[in-house]
Amino acid sequence: MDGINYSSAAQNVHIMKYKAEQYIALLERAFVLHRVFPMGSNVMKEPKIVMALPYRLLYKPLNEAIGGLREDFFVAWHLALDTMILIWYPFSVENEVDKWLRGR
């Protein structure tokens, strides 16, 4: 369930988008998930929804889940510090972020 936002959540549970926004806000207040708002000009205006704990990675092997675990760690870290989150997503190779984090 990567790429969760208001529209995909509303579509998956067959509700209106504004109702999905309300439910997601309530789940964020209950510390179940976090909303990561986008920055920039060429991005979707809807926030990305990230689980507070990495439940979405529970049944994946470590080599498939390592990127998501890193993303969840940095989101939680920045939220704890109340700082801005800048996440870089490559457009070319799927594992390019892992190579970049390991120092190529």
C-alpha atoms as a PDB file:
ATOM      1  CA  MET A   1       0.000   0.000   0.000  1.00  0.00           C
ATOM      2  CA  ASP A   2       2.624   2.536  -1.015  1.00  0.00           C
ATOM      3  CA  GLY A   3       1.564   5.943  -2.199  1.00  0.00           C
ATOM      4  CA  ILE A   4      -1.414   6.428   0.085  1.00  0.00           C
ATOM      5  CA  ASN A   5      -3.075   9.845  -0.130  1.00  0.00           C
ATOM      6  CA  TYR A   6      -6.588  11.236   0.365  1.00  0.00           C
ATOM      7  CA  SER A   7      -7.799  10.187  -3.072  1.00  0.00           C
ATOM      8  CA  SER A   8      -6.526   6.599  -2.904  1.00  0.00           C
ATOM      9  CA  ALA A   9      -7.860   6.131   0.649  1.00  0.00           C
ATOM     10  CA  ALA A  10     -11.295   7.443  -0.383  1.00  0.00           C
ATOM     11  CA  GLN A  11     -11.355   5.217  -3.449  1.00  0.00           C
ATOM     12  CA  ASN A  12     -10.305   2.096  -1.507  1.00  0.00           C
ATOM     13  CA  VAL A  13     -13.042   2.420   1.134  1.00  0.00           C
ATOM     14  CA  HIS A  14     -15.680   3.931  -1.221  1.00  0.00           C
ATOM     15  CA  ILE A  15     -16.199   7.251   0.566  1.00  0.00           C
ATOM     16  CA  MET A  16     -15.936  10.881  -0.519  1.00  0.00           C
ATOM     17  CA  LYS A  17     -12.535  12.555  -0.479  1.00  0.00           C
ATOM     18  CA  TYR A  18     -13.471  15.145   2.162  1.00  0.00           C
ATOM     19  CA  LYS A  19     -14.653  12.356   4.500  1.00  0.00           C
ATOM     20  CA  ALA A  20     -11.337  10.528   3.965  1.00  0.00           C
ATOM     21  CA  GLU A  21      -9.514  13.750   4.932  1.00  0.00           C
ATOM     22  CA  GLN A  22     -11.519  13.902   8.169  1.00  0.00           C
ATOM     23  CA  TYR A  23     -10.836  10.242   9.030  1.00  0.00           C
ATOM     24  CA  ILE A  24      -7.139  10.606   8.262  1.00  0.00           C
ATOM     25  CA  ALA A  25      -6.934  13.702  10.489  1.00  0.00           C
ATOM     26  CA  LEU A  26      -8.550  11.712  13.317  1.00  0.00           C
ATOM     27  CA  LEU A  27      -6.134   8.806  12.815  1.00  0.00           C
ATOM     28  CA  GLU A  28      -3.232  11.242  12.924  1.00  0.00           C
ATOM     29  CA  ARG A  29      -4.490  12.643  16.231  1.00  0.00           C
ATOM     30  CA  ALA A  30      -4.635   9.050  17.539  1.00  0.00           C
ATOM     31  CA  PHE A  31      -0.943   8.566  16.532  1.00  0.00           C
ATOM     32  CA  VAL A  32      -1.805   5.819  14.025  1.00  0.00           C
ATOM     33  CA  LEU A  33      -0.415   7.640  10.989  1.00  0.00           C
ATOM     34  CA  HIS A  34       1.384  10.790   9.850  1.00  0.00           C
ATOM     35  CA  ARG A  35       0.677  13.161   6.984  1.00  0.00           C
ATOM     36  CA  VAL A  36       3.725  14.378   5.036  1.00  0.00           C
ATOM     37  CA  PHE A  37       2.816  17.504   3.087  1.00  0.00           C
ATOM     38  CA  PRO A  38       4.536  18.079  -0.275  1.00  0.00           C
ATOM     39  CA  MET A  39       6.757  21.013  -1.173  1.00  0.00           C
ATOM     40  CA  GLY A  40       7.640  22.299  -4.606  1.00  0.00           C
ATOM     41  CA  SER A  41       5.871  23.172  -7.805  1.00  0.00           C
ATOM     42  CA  ASN A  42       5.725  19.852  -9.692  1.00  0.00           C
ATOM     43  CA  VAL A  43       4.244  17.671  -6.928  1.00  0.00           C
ATOM     44  CA  MET A  44       0.782  16.474  -5.986  1.00  0.00           C
ATOM     45  CA  LYS A  45      -0.946  18.836  -3.571  1.00  0.00           C
ATOM     46  CA  GLU A  46      -2.215  15.979  -1.403  1.00  0.00           C
ATOM     47  CA  PRO A  47      -0.064  14.819   1.511  1.00  0.00           C
ATOM     48  CA  LYS A  48       1.457  11.364   1.554  1.00  0.00           C
ATOM     49  CA  ILE A  49       0.064   9.191   4.341  1.00  0.00           C
ATOM     50  CA  VAL A  50       2.647   7.221   6.340  1.00  0.00           C
ATOM     51  CA  MET A  51       1.800   4.749   9.097  1.00  0.00           C
ATOM     52  CA  ALA A  52       3.228   5.672  12.507  1.00  0.00           C
ATOM     53  CA  LEU A  53       4.588   2.143  12.771  1.00  0.00           C
ATOM     54  CA  PRO A  54       5.693   0.372   9.573  1.00  0.00           C
ATOM     55  CA  TYR A  55       2.753  -2.070   9.394  1.00  0.00           C
ATOM     56  CA  ARG A  56       2.822  -1.894   5.594  1.00  0.00           C
ATOM     57  CA  LEU A  57       6.242  -3.587   5.673  1.00  0.00           C
ATOM     58  CA  LEU A  58       5.348  -6.332   8.141  1.00  0.00           C
ATOM     59  CA  TYR A  59       5.263  -9.256   5.713  1.00  0.00           C
ATOM     60  CA  LYS A  60       7.999  -8.147   3.318  1.00  0.00           C
ATOM     61  CA  PRO A  61      11.558  -9.469   3.453  1.00  0.00           C
ATOM     62  CA  LEU A  62      14.152  -7.005   4.768  1.00  0.00           C
ATOM     63  CA  ASN A  63      15.811  -6.429   1.399  1.00  0.00           C
ATOM     64  CA  GLU A  64      12.441  -5.263  -0.042  1.00  0.00           C
ATOM     65  CA  ALA A  65      11.438  -3.248   3.029  1.00  0.00           C
ATOM     66  CA  ILE A  66      14.689  -1.383   3.748  1.00  0.00           C
ATOM     67  CA  GLY A  67      13.764   1.735   1.746  1.00  0.00           C
ATOM     68  CA  GLY A  68      10.353   2.013   3.403  1.00  0.00           C
ATOM     69  CA  LEU A  69      11.871   1.498   6.841  1.00  0.00           C
ATOM     70  CA  ARG A  70      14.339   4.320   6.204  1.00  0.00           C
ATOM     71  CA  GLU A  71      11.550   6.587   4.991  1.00  0.00           C
ATOM     72  CA  ASP A  72       9.406   5.858   8.071  1.00  0.00           C
ATOM     73  CA  PHE A  73      12.394   6.421  10.374  1.00  0.00           C
ATOM     74  CA  PHE A  74      13.198   9.829   8.884  1.00  0.00           C
ATOM     75  CA  VAL A  75       9.549  10.919   8.903  1.00  0.00           C
ATOM     76  CA  ALA A  76       9.236  10.006  12.608  1.00  0.00           C
ATOM     77  CA  TRP A  77      12.572  11.685  13.364  1.00  0.00           C
ATOM     78  CA  HIS A  78      11.617  14.944  11.654  1.00  0.00           C
ATOM     79  CA  LEU A  79       8.180  14.962  13.265  1.00  0.00           C
ATOM     80  CA  ALA A  80       9.769  14.464  16.680  1.00  0.00           C
ATOM     81  CA  LEU A  81      12.137  17.383  16.033  1.00  0.00           C
ATOM     82  CA  ASP A  82       9.349  19.440  14.408  1.00  0.00           C
ATOM     83  CA  THR A  83      11.514  20.177  11.367  1.00  0.00           C
ATOM     84  CA  MET A  84      10.830  20.336   7.659  1.00  0.00           C
ATOM     85  CA  ILE A  85      10.903  17.048   5.740  1.00  0.00           C
ATOM     86  CA  LEU A  86      12.557  16.920   2.333  1.00  0.00           C
ATOM     87  CA  ILE A  87      12.379  13.474   0.735  1.00  0.00           C
ATOM     88  CA  TRP A  88      14.157  12.893  -2.573  1.00  0.00           C
ATOM     89  CA  TYR A  89      12.626  10.325  -4.917  1.00  0.00           C
ATOM     90  CA  PRO A  90      14.606   9.352  -8.013  1.00  0.00           C
ATOM     91  CA  PHE A  91      12.827   9.015 -11.322  1.00  0.00           C
ATOM     92  CA  SER A  92      15.235   6.556 -12.953  1.00  0.00           C
ATOM     93  CA  VAL A  93      16.246   3.461 -10.979  1.00  0.00           C
ATOM     94  CA  GLU A  94      14.161   1.862  -8.212  1.00  0.00           C
ATOM     95  CA  ASN A  95      17.039   1.256  -5.777  1.00  0.00           C
ATOM     96  CA  GLU A  96      18.943   4.481  -6.515  1.00  0.00           C
ATOM     97  CA  VAL A  97      18.070   5.910  -3.066  1.00  0.00           C
ATOM     98  CA  ASP A  98      19.621   2.893  -1.331  1.00  0.00           C
ATOM     99  CA  LYS A  99      22.803   3.285  -3.404  1.00  0.00           C
ATOM    100  CA  TRP A 100      22.895   7.005  -2.606  1.00  0.00           C
ATOM    101  CA  LEU A 101      22.460   6.364   1.157  1.00  0.00           C
ATOM    102  CA  ARG A 102      25.234   3.722   1.147  1.00  0.00           C
ATOM    103  CA  GLY A 103      27.657   6.109  -0.519  1.00  0.00           C
ATOM    104  CA  ARG A 104      27.441   4.434  -3.961  1.00  0.00           C
END
